Amino acid sequence: MNVIGIKTPLIKPEDDLVEVILDSINNYKNLELKDEDILVLASSAVSTVEGRIRNIDAVNPSEKAKELARESDLDERLVEIIIHESDEILHPFKDCILTIKDGMLRINAGVDRTNVPSGKALLLPKNPKKSAAKLRRKIEAKTGKKLGVIISDSHVNPLRRGTTGQAIGTSGIKESLDRRNERDLYGNVLQITFQGVGDQLAAAAQLLMGEADESIPAVVIRGAKAAFSNKPERSLKIPPEKCVYSKFLDY
């Protein structure tokens, strides 16, 4: 499997993201998209061109935001944005708030103050799956290639320090592979194993995307063990009652 980072100019709200990425790929010698390549895109780039940027100074914090701000030591205006973006507030901690966003555990509902100018906050794409499908259709129309697209965001795993990439929207590939009823090295039948391909590819791409000023919002993955499909994929999200972590949460 090959993982190729695509360095681009700074993505701005008025940009055509597909044009920027394809132009940047053309700047690489001997690189062009091929059938069954997977393009992983940073959620920050997608959010930027979708206008998902809030002016923090224009926000009037509610009493709930002020209370959570005192408990988390966050800017109360930022907390108001987090409340608005969250499906549910779970618990405030110092410098962050644990939330449910789009059926997933998210720190601060994915609201971020990095990769935007000072005084701004960047939100997650409104509908990452629809965004991934729209971008894939446009890229395929321009290149004539059959591709997969993943929108990736940084994610923190329970009881682990550090961020990894997580697929928050995919199109053109199956997000998971059902390995149940297959056998392991010793002939044991797998009972519950699903391989989270989307998240694994997002994590691989995140190594190149980085978290600071790398300016690599797109990664081409070639030769991945993934199943390509034009059919809408069933979400990887599971209800809290089926999650092994949920009983430890105040949910």
C-alpha atoms as a PDB file:
ATOM      1  CA  MET A   1       0.000   0.000   0.000  1.00  0.00           C
ATOM      2  CA  ASN A   2       1.302   3.450  -0.932  1.00  0.00           C
ATOM      3  CA  VAL A   3       0.351   6.589   0.993  1.00  0.00           C
ATOM      4  CA  ILE A   4       1.120   9.876  -0.762  1.00  0.00           C
ATOM      5  CA  GLY A   5       0.630  13.263   0.868  1.00  0.00           C
ATOM      6  CA  ILE A   6      -0.541  16.114  -1.377  1.00  0.00           C
ATOM      7  CA  LYS A   7       0.779  19.508  -0.343  1.00  0.00           C
ATOM      8  CA  THR A   8      -1.475  22.399  -1.383  1.00  0.00           C
ATOM      9  CA  PRO A   9      -1.651  26.160  -1.040  1.00  0.00           C
ATOM     10  CA  LEU A  10      -3.565  27.439   1.972  1.00  0.00           C
ATOM     11  CA  ILE A  11      -7.222  26.476   1.521  1.00  0.00           C
ATOM     12  CA  LYS A  12      -9.538  29.510   1.614  1.00  0.00           C
ATOM     13  CA  PRO A  13     -13.347  29.700   1.898  1.00  0.00           C
ATOM     14  CA  GLU A  14     -13.785  30.831  -1.703  1.00  0.00           C
ATOM     15  CA  ASP A  15     -11.680  27.974  -3.136  1.00  0.00           C
ATOM     16  CA  ASP A  16     -12.897  25.099  -5.273  1.00  0.00           C
ATOM     17  CA  LEU A  17     -11.414  22.270  -3.207  1.00  0.00           C
ATOM     18  CA  VAL A  18     -11.464  19.752  -6.055  1.00  0.00           C
ATOM     19  CA  GLU A  19      -9.621  22.124  -8.388  1.00  0.00           C
ATOM     20  CA  VAL A  20      -7.017  22.924  -5.727  1.00  0.00           C
ATOM     21  CA  ILE A  21      -6.364  19.248  -5.024  1.00  0.00           C
ATOM     22  CA  LEU A  22      -6.234  18.157  -8.670  1.00  0.00           C
ATOM     23  CA  ASP A  23      -3.940  21.078  -9.555  1.00  0.00           C
ATOM     24  CA  SER A  24      -1.691  20.137  -6.635  1.00  0.00           C
ATOM     25  CA  ILE A  25      -1.568  16.489  -7.726  1.00  0.00           C
ATOM     26  CA  ASN A  26      -0.524  17.657 -11.196  1.00  0.00           C
ATOM     27  CA  ASN A  27       2.462  19.392  -9.611  1.00  0.00           C
ATOM     28  CA  TYR A  28       3.847  16.000  -8.551  1.00  0.00           C
ATOM     29  CA  LYS A  29       6.053  14.326 -11.123  1.00  0.00           C
ATOM     30  CA  ASN A  30       4.717  10.971 -12.340  1.00  0.00           C
ATOM     31  CA  LEU A  31       1.626  11.133 -10.138  1.00  0.00           C
ATOM     32  CA  GLU A  32      -1.921  10.924 -11.410  1.00  0.00           C
ATOM     33  CA  LEU A  33      -5.037   9.401  -9.928  1.00  0.00           C
ATOM     34  CA  LYS A  34      -5.788   5.795 -10.869  1.00  0.00           C
ATOM     35  CA  ASP A  35      -8.851   3.590 -10.581  1.00  0.00           C
ATOM     36  CA  GLU A  36      -9.430   2.430  -6.996  1.00  0.00           C
ATOM     37  CA  ASP A  37      -7.242   5.107  -5.457  1.00  0.00           C
ATOM     38  CA  ILE A  38      -8.637   6.420  -2.191  1.00  0.00           C
ATOM     39  CA  LEU A  39      -8.461  10.144  -1.525  1.00  0.00           C
ATOM     40  CA  VAL A  40      -8.462  11.097   2.148  1.00  0.00           C
ATOM     41  CA  LEU A  41      -9.394  14.733   2.770  1.00  0.00           C
ATOM     42  CA  ALA A  42      -8.918  16.688   5.975  1.00  0.00           C
ATOM     43  CA  SER A  43     -12.230  17.776   7.474  1.00  0.00           C
ATOM     44  CA  SER A  44     -10.723  21.218   8.085  1.00  0.00           C
ATOM     45  CA  ALA A  45     -10.273  21.756   4.343  1.00  0.00           C
ATOM     46  CA  VAL A  46     -13.809  20.584   3.582  1.00  0.00           C
ATOM     47  CA  SER A  47     -15.276  22.744   6.350  1.00  0.00           C
ATOM     48  CA  THR A  48     -13.346  25.787   5.153  1.00  0.00           C
ATOM     49  CA  VAL A  49     -14.714  25.675   1.605  1.00  0.00           C
ATOM     50  CA  GLU A  50     -18.204  24.927   2.955  1.00  0.00           C
ATOM     51  CA  GLY A  51     -18.074  28.105   5.037  1.00  0.00           C
ATOM     52  CA  ARG A  52     -18.242  26.295   8.372  1.00  0.00           C
ATOM     53  CA  ILE A  53     -16.405  29.091  10.180  1.00  0.00           C
ATOM     54  CA  ARG A  54     -17.817  31.112  13.076  1.00  0.00           C
ATOM     55  CA  ASN A  55     -16.742  34.514  14.327  1.00  0.00           C
ATOM     56  CA  ILE A  56     -16.258  33.999  18.064  1.00  0.00           C
ATOM     57  CA  ASP A  57     -16.640  37.705  18.880  1.00  0.00           C
ATOM     58  CA  ALA A  58     -20.157  37.672  17.402  1.00  0.00           C
ATOM     59  CA  VAL A  59     -21.392  34.959  19.795  1.00  0.00           C
ATOM     60  CA  ASN A  60     -23.532  35.829  22.821  1.00  0.00           C
ATOM     61  CA  PRO A  61     -22.998  33.114  25.454  1.00  0.00           C
ATOM     62  CA  SER A  62     -25.980  31.681  27.311  1.00  0.00           C
ATOM     63  CA  GLU A  63     -26.060  31.002  31.043  1.00  0.00           C
ATOM     64  CA  LYS A  64     -25.449  27.330  30.310  1.00  0.00           C
ATOM     65  CA  ALA A  65     -22.368  28.258  28.282  1.00  0.00           C
ATOM     66  CA  LYS A  66     -21.075  30.468  31.079  1.00  0.00           C
ATOM     67  CA  GLU A  67     -21.496  27.662  33.608  1.00  0.00           C
ATOM     68  CA  LEU A  68     -19.728  25.108  31.402  1.00  0.00           C
ATOM     69  CA  ALA A  69     -16.994  27.655  30.672  1.00  0.00           C
ATOM     70  CA  ARG A  70     -16.294  28.015  34.391  1.00  0.00           C
ATOM     71  CA  GLU A  71     -16.040  24.233  34.748  1.00  0.00           C
ATOM     72  CA  SER A  72     -13.853  23.732  31.675  1.00  0.00           C
ATOM     73  CA  ASP A  73     -11.827  26.966  31.716  1.00  0.00           C
ATOM     74  CA  LEU A  74     -12.814  27.600  28.085  1.00  0.00           C
ATOM     75  CA  ASP A  75     -13.924  30.830  26.445  1.00  0.00           C
ATOM     76  CA  GLU A  76     -17.668  31.043  27.139  1.00  0.00           C
ATOM     77  CA  ARG A  77     -18.315  32.171  23.567  1.00  0.00           C
ATOM     78  CA  LEU A  78     -16.535  29.075  22.261  1.00  0.00           C
ATOM     79  CA  VAL A  79     -18.580  26.954  24.658  1.00  0.00           C
ATOM     80  CA  GLU A  80     -21.779  28.416  23.215  1.00  0.00           C
ATOM     81  CA  ILE A  81     -20.690  27.230  19.767  1.00  0.00           C
ATOM     82  CA  ILE A  82     -19.886  23.796  21.200  1.00  0.00           C
ATOM     83  CA  ILE A  83     -23.364  23.581  22.745  1.00  0.00           C
ATOM     84  CA  HIS A  84     -24.950  24.517  19.436  1.00  0.00           C
ATOM     85  CA  GLU A  85     -22.918  21.905  17.541  1.00  0.00           C
ATOM     86  CA  SER A  86     -23.391  19.084  20.070  1.00  0.00           C
ATOM     87  CA  ASP A  87     -26.114  16.475  20.040  1.00  0.00           C
ATOM     88  CA  GLU A  88     -25.473  16.077  23.752  1.00  0.00           C
ATOM     89  CA  ILE A  89     -23.092  17.481  26.351  1.00  0.00           C
ATOM     90  CA  LEU A  90     -21.650  14.636  28.430  1.00  0.00           C
ATOM     91  CA  HIS A  91     -19.131  16.217  30.784  1.00  0.00           C
ATOM     92  CA  PRO A  92     -16.828  19.231  31.032  1.00  0.00           C
ATOM     93  CA  PHE A  93     -13.140  18.724  31.773  1.00  0.00           C
ATOM     94  CA  LYS A  94     -10.305  21.208  32.012  1.00  0.00           C
ATOM     95  CA  ASP A  95      -9.735  22.729  28.571  1.00  0.00           C
ATOM     96  CA  CYS A  96     -12.339  20.565  26.837  1.00  0.00           C
ATOM     97  CA  ILE A  97     -15.897  19.244  26.907  1.00  0.00           C
ATOM     98  CA  LEU A  98     -16.836  15.660  26.071  1.00  0.00           C
ATOM     99  CA  THR A  99     -19.841  15.560  23.748  1.00  0.00           C
ATOM    100  CA  ILE A 100     -21.863  13.386  21.423  1.00  0.00           C
ATOM    101  CA  LYS A 101     -21.777  14.724  17.858  1.00  0.00           C
ATOM    102  CA  ASP A 102     -23.331  12.878  14.912  1.00  0.00           C
ATOM    103  CA  GLY A 103     -23.544   9.726  17.014  1.00  0.00           C
ATOM    104  CA  MET A 104     -19.849   9.761  17.947  1.00  0.00           C
ATOM    105  CA  LEU A 105     -17.888  10.748  21.028  1.00  0.00           C
ATOM    106  CA  ARG A 106     -16.224  14.052  20.158  1.00  0.00           C
ATOM    107  CA  ILE A 107     -14.117  16.521  22.087  1.00  0.00           C
ATOM    108  CA  ASN A 108     -15.808  19.944  21.871  1.00  0.00           C
ATOM    109  CA  ALA A 109     -18.224  18.585  19.226  1.00  0.00           C
ATOM    110  CA  GLY A 110     -15.364  18.883  16.751  1.00  0.00           C
ATOM    111  CA  VAL A 111     -15.230  22.682  17.134  1.00  0.00           C
ATOM    112  CA  ASP A 112     -11.631  23.778  16.605  1.00  0.00           C
ATOM    113  CA  ARG A 113      -9.673  27.016  16.854  1.00  0.00           C
ATOM    114  CA  THR A 114      -6.720  25.705  14.847  1.00  0.00           C
ATOM    115  CA  ASN A 115      -6.267  26.107  11.092  1.00  0.00           C
ATOM    116  CA  VAL A 116      -8.409  29.254  11.113  1.00  0.00           C
ATOM    117  CA  PRO A 117      -7.495  32.909  11.684  1.00  0.00           C
ATOM    118  CA  SER A 118      -7.454  34.267  15.225  1.00  0.00           C
ATOM    119  CA  GLY A 119     -10.927  34.956  16.575  1.00  0.00           C
ATOM    120  CA  LYS A 120     -12.545  32.260  14.439  1.00  0.00           C
ATOM    121  CA  ALA A 121     -13.784  28.743  15.159  1.00  0.00           C
ATOM    122  CA  LEU A 122     -13.920  25.930  12.627  1.00  0.00           C
ATOM    123  CA  LEU A 123     -16.867  23.523  12.724  1.00  0.00           C
ATOM    124  CA  LEU A 124     -17.104  20.042  11.278  1.00  0.00           C
ATOM    125  CA  PRO A 125     -18.765  19.659   7.868  1.00  0.00           C
ATOM    126  CA  LYS A 126     -22.547  19.805   8.221  1.00  0.00           C
ATOM    127  CA  ASN A 127     -23.036  16.381   6.647  1.00  0.00           C
ATOM    128  CA  PRO A 128     -19.670  14.662   6.078  1.00  0.00           C
ATOM    129  CA  LYS A 129     -21.128  11.674   4.220  1.00  0.00           C
ATOM    130  CA  LYS A 130     -22.944  13.917   1.726  1.00  0.00           C
ATOM    131  CA  SER A 131     -19.833  16.054   1.367  1.00  0.00           C
ATOM    132  CA  ALA A 132     -17.719  12.967   0.621  1.00  0.00           C
ATOM    133  CA  ALA A 133     -20.214  11.765  -1.994  1.00  0.00           C
ATOM    134  CA  LYS A 134     -20.387  15.177  -3.667  1.00  0.00           C
ATOM    135  CA  LEU A 135     -16.607  15.507  -3.796  1.00  0.00           C
ATOM    136  CA  ARG A 136     -16.175  11.972  -5.140  1.00  0.00           C
ATOM    137  CA  ARG A 137     -18.685  12.547  -7.941  1.00  0.00           C
ATOM    138  CA  LYS A 138     -16.946  15.757  -8.958  1.00  0.00           C
ATOM    139  CA  ILE A 139     -13.450  14.257  -8.880  1.00  0.00           C
ATOM    140  CA  GLU A 140     -14.565  11.173 -10.806  1.00  0.00           C
ATOM    141  CA  ALA A 141     -16.256  13.364 -13.422  1.00  0.00           C
ATOM    142  CA  LYS A 142     -13.054  15.361 -13.921  1.00  0.00           C
ATOM    143  CA  THR A 143     -10.632  12.420 -13.905  1.00  0.00           C
ATOM    144  CA  GLY A 144     -12.692   9.552 -15.316  1.00  0.00           C
ATOM    145  CA  LYS A 145     -11.398   7.329 -12.502  1.00  0.00           C
ATOM    146  CA  LYS A 146     -13.313   5.185 -10.020  1.00  0.00           C
ATOM    147  CA  LEU A 147     -12.293   6.387  -6.572  1.00  0.00           C
ATOM    148  CA  GLY A 148     -13.045   6.262  -2.892  1.00  0.00           C
ATOM    149  CA  VAL A 149     -13.206   9.415  -0.774  1.00  0.00           C
ATOM    150  CA  ILE A 150     -12.791   9.665   2.987  1.00  0.00           C
ATOM    151  CA  ILE A 151     -13.224  12.814   5.052  1.00  0.00           C
ATOM    152  CA  SER A 152     -10.989  12.480   8.094  1.00  0.00           C
ATOM    153  CA  ASP A 153     -10.878  14.308  11.398  1.00  0.00           C
ATOM    154  CA  SER A 154      -8.532  14.079  14.371  1.00  0.00           C
ATOM    155  CA  HIS A 155      -9.849  11.877  17.151  1.00  0.00           C
ATOM    156  CA  VAL A 156      -8.804  11.041  20.709  1.00  0.00           C
ATOM    157  CA  ASN A 157      -9.245   7.452  21.895  1.00  0.00           C
ATOM    158  CA  PRO A 158     -10.294   6.644  25.482  1.00  0.00           C
ATOM    159  CA  LEU A 159      -7.376   6.227  27.896  1.00  0.00           C
ATOM    160  CA  ARG A 160      -4.844   7.068  25.168  1.00  0.00           C
ATOM    161  CA  ARG A 161      -2.699  10.169  24.717  1.00  0.00           C
ATOM    162  CA  GLY A 162      -2.495  11.603  21.220  1.00  0.00           C
ATOM    163  CA  THR A 163      -4.724  12.005  18.207  1.00  0.00           C
ATOM    164  CA  THR A 164      -5.364   9.648  15.323  1.00  0.00           C
ATOM    165  CA  GLY A 165      -7.375  10.024  12.143  1.00  0.00           C
ATOM    166  CA  GLN A 166     -11.016   8.959  12.072  1.00  0.00           C
ATOM    167  CA  ALA A 167     -13.281   8.633   9.039  1.00  0.00           C
ATOM    168  CA  ILE A 168     -16.298  10.877   9.615  1.00  0.00           C
ATOM    169  CA  GLY A 169     -17.632  10.580   6.063  1.00  0.00           C
ATOM    170  CA  THR A 170     -16.905   8.144   3.246  1.00  0.00           C
ATOM    171  CA  SER A 171     -18.062   7.518  -0.298  1.00  0.00           C
ATOM    172  CA  GLY A 172     -17.191   4.856  -2.839  1.00  0.00           C
ATOM    173  CA  ILE A 173     -15.798   2.284  -0.388  1.00  0.00           C
ATOM    174  CA  LYS A 174     -17.194   0.065   2.326  1.00  0.00           C
ATOM    175  CA  GLU A 175     -16.339   1.592   5.692  1.00  0.00           C
ATOM    176  CA  SER A 176     -15.917  -1.814   7.313  1.00  0.00           C
ATOM    177  CA  LEU A 177     -15.235  -5.404   6.354  1.00  0.00           C
ATOM    178  CA  ASP A 178     -17.303  -8.098   8.045  1.00  0.00           C
ATOM    179  CA  ARG A 179     -14.778 -10.753   9.092  1.00  0.00           C
ATOM    180  CA  ARG A 180     -17.243 -12.867  11.055  1.00  0.00           C
ATOM    181  CA  ASN A 181     -17.172 -16.591  10.278  1.00  0.00           C
ATOM    182  CA  GLU A 182     -13.650 -16.320   8.888  1.00  0.00           C
ATOM    183  CA  ARG A 183     -10.903 -18.256  10.640  1.00  0.00           C
ATOM    184  CA  ASP A 184      -7.815 -16.964  12.407  1.00  0.00           C
ATOM    185  CA  LEU A 185      -4.298 -18.449  12.236  1.00  0.00           C
ATOM    186  CA  TYR A 186      -5.307 -21.302  14.539  1.00  0.00           C
ATOM    187  CA  GLY A 187      -8.587 -22.117  12.854  1.00  0.00           C
ATOM    188  CA  ASN A 188     -10.778 -20.329  15.393  1.00  0.00           C
ATOM    189  CA  VAL A 189     -13.952 -18.878  13.895  1.00  0.00           C
ATOM    190  CA  LEU A 190     -14.221 -15.101  14.293  1.00  0.00           C
ATOM    191  CA  GLN A 191     -17.440 -14.240  16.110  1.00  0.00           C
ATOM    192  CA  ILE A 192     -17.735 -10.455  16.292  1.00  0.00           C
ATOM    193  CA  THR A 193     -14.897  -8.956  14.245  1.00  0.00           C
ATOM    194  CA  PHE A 194     -15.559  -6.076  11.881  1.00  0.00           C
ATOM    195  CA  GLN A 195     -12.466  -4.431  10.401  1.00  0.00           C
ATOM    196  CA  GLY A 196     -12.857  -0.645  10.470  1.00  0.00           C
ATOM    197  CA  VAL A 197     -11.266   0.031   7.097  1.00  0.00           C
ATOM    198  CA  GLY A 198     -12.357   3.664   6.872  1.00  0.00           C
ATOM    199  CA  ASP A 199     -10.839   4.532  10.236  1.00  0.00           C
ATOM    200  CA  GLN A 200      -7.670   2.559   9.506  1.00  0.00           C
ATOM    201  CA  LEU A 201      -7.108   4.416   6.238  1.00  0.00           C
ATOM    202  CA  ALA A 202      -7.863   7.751   7.892  1.00  0.00           C
ATOM    203  CA  ALA A 203      -5.286   6.969  10.586  1.00  0.00           C
ATOM    204  CA  ALA A 204      -2.668   6.113   7.951  1.00  0.00           C
ATOM    205  CA  ALA A 205      -3.350   9.386   6.134  1.00  0.00           C
ATOM    206  CA  GLN A 206      -3.134  11.364   9.374  1.00  0.00           C
ATOM    207  CA  LEU A 207       0.553  10.484   9.698  1.00  0.00           C
ATOM    208  CA  LEU A 208       1.223  12.649   6.643  1.00  0.00           C
ATOM    209  CA  MET A 209      -1.463  15.279   7.224  1.00  0.00           C
ATOM    210  CA  GLY A 210      -0.082  16.057  10.672  1.00  0.00           C
ATOM    211  CA  GLU A 211      -1.610  18.480  13.150  1.00  0.00           C
ATOM    212  CA  ALA A 212       0.274  21.746  12.610  1.00  0.00           C
ATOM    213  CA  ASP A 213       1.502  23.645   9.528  1.00  0.00           C
ATOM    214  CA  GLU A 214       2.144  20.692   7.195  1.00  0.00           C
ATOM    215  CA  SER A 215      -0.383  22.004   4.627  1.00  0.00           C
ATOM    216  CA  ILE A 216      -1.211  18.471   3.464  1.00  0.00           C
ATOM    217  CA  PRO A 217      -5.040  18.374   3.440  1.00  0.00           C
ATOM    218  CA  ALA A 218      -5.214  15.482   0.968  1.00  0.00           C
ATOM    219  CA  VAL A 219      -3.616  12.047   0.874  1.00  0.00           C
ATOM    220  CA  VAL A 220      -3.768   9.508  -1.943  1.00  0.00           C
ATOM    221  CA  ILE A 221      -3.840   5.882  -0.775  1.00  0.00           C
ATOM    222  CA  ARG A 222      -3.108   3.290  -3.433  1.00  0.00           C
ATOM    223  CA  GLY A 223      -3.316  -0.486  -3.158  1.00  0.00           C
ATOM    224  CA  ALA A 224      -5.376  -0.562   0.036  1.00  0.00           C
ATOM    225  CA  LYS A 225      -7.359  -3.637   0.994  1.00  0.00           C
ATOM    226  CA  ALA A 226     -10.741  -1.989   0.572  1.00  0.00           C
ATOM    227  CA  ALA A 227     -14.007  -2.947  -1.098  1.00  0.00           C
ATOM    228  CA  PHE A 228     -15.238  -0.359  -3.583  1.00  0.00           C
ATOM    229  CA  SER A 229     -18.959   0.215  -3.954  1.00  0.00           C
ATOM    230  CA  ASN A 230     -21.279   2.868  -5.369  1.00  0.00           C
ATOM    231  CA  LYS A 231     -24.049   1.844  -2.996  1.00  0.00           C
ATOM    232  CA  PRO A 232     -24.657   3.964   0.121  1.00  0.00           C
ATOM    233  CA  GLU A 233     -22.789   2.341   2.982  1.00  0.00           C
ATOM    234  CA  ARG A 234     -24.432   1.512   6.284  1.00  0.00           C
ATOM    235  CA  SER A 235     -23.054   3.732   9.021  1.00  0.00           C
ATOM    236  CA  LEU A 236     -20.416   2.396  11.406  1.00  0.00           C
ATOM    237  CA  LYS A 237     -22.164   4.150  14.265  1.00  0.00           C
ATOM    238  CA  ILE A 238     -23.714   1.933  16.909  1.00  0.00           C
ATOM    239  CA  PRO A 239     -26.283   2.861  19.567  1.00  0.00           C
ATOM    240  CA  PRO A 240     -24.948   3.528  23.080  1.00  0.00           C
ATOM    241  CA  GLU A 241     -26.563   0.400  24.510  1.00  0.00           C
ATOM    242  CA  LYS A 242     -24.407  -1.724  22.185  1.00  0.00           C
ATOM    243  CA  CYS A 243     -21.160   0.135  22.877  1.00  0.00           C
ATOM    244  CA  VAL A 244     -18.768  -1.522  25.339  1.00  0.00           C
ATOM    245  CA  TYR A 245     -17.706   1.902  26.667  1.00  0.00           C
ATOM    246  CA  SER A 246     -21.152   3.414  27.153  1.00  0.00           C
ATOM    247  CA  LYS A 247     -21.867   1.939  30.588  1.00  0.00           C
ATOM    248  CA  PHE A 248     -18.909   3.905  31.927  1.00  0.00           C
ATOM    249  CA  LEU A 249     -20.292   7.185  30.596  1.00  0.00           C
ATOM    250  CA  ASP A 250     -22.862   9.439  32.184  1.00  0.00           C
ATOM    251  CA  TYR A 251     -25.052   9.043  29.118  1.00  0.00           C
END
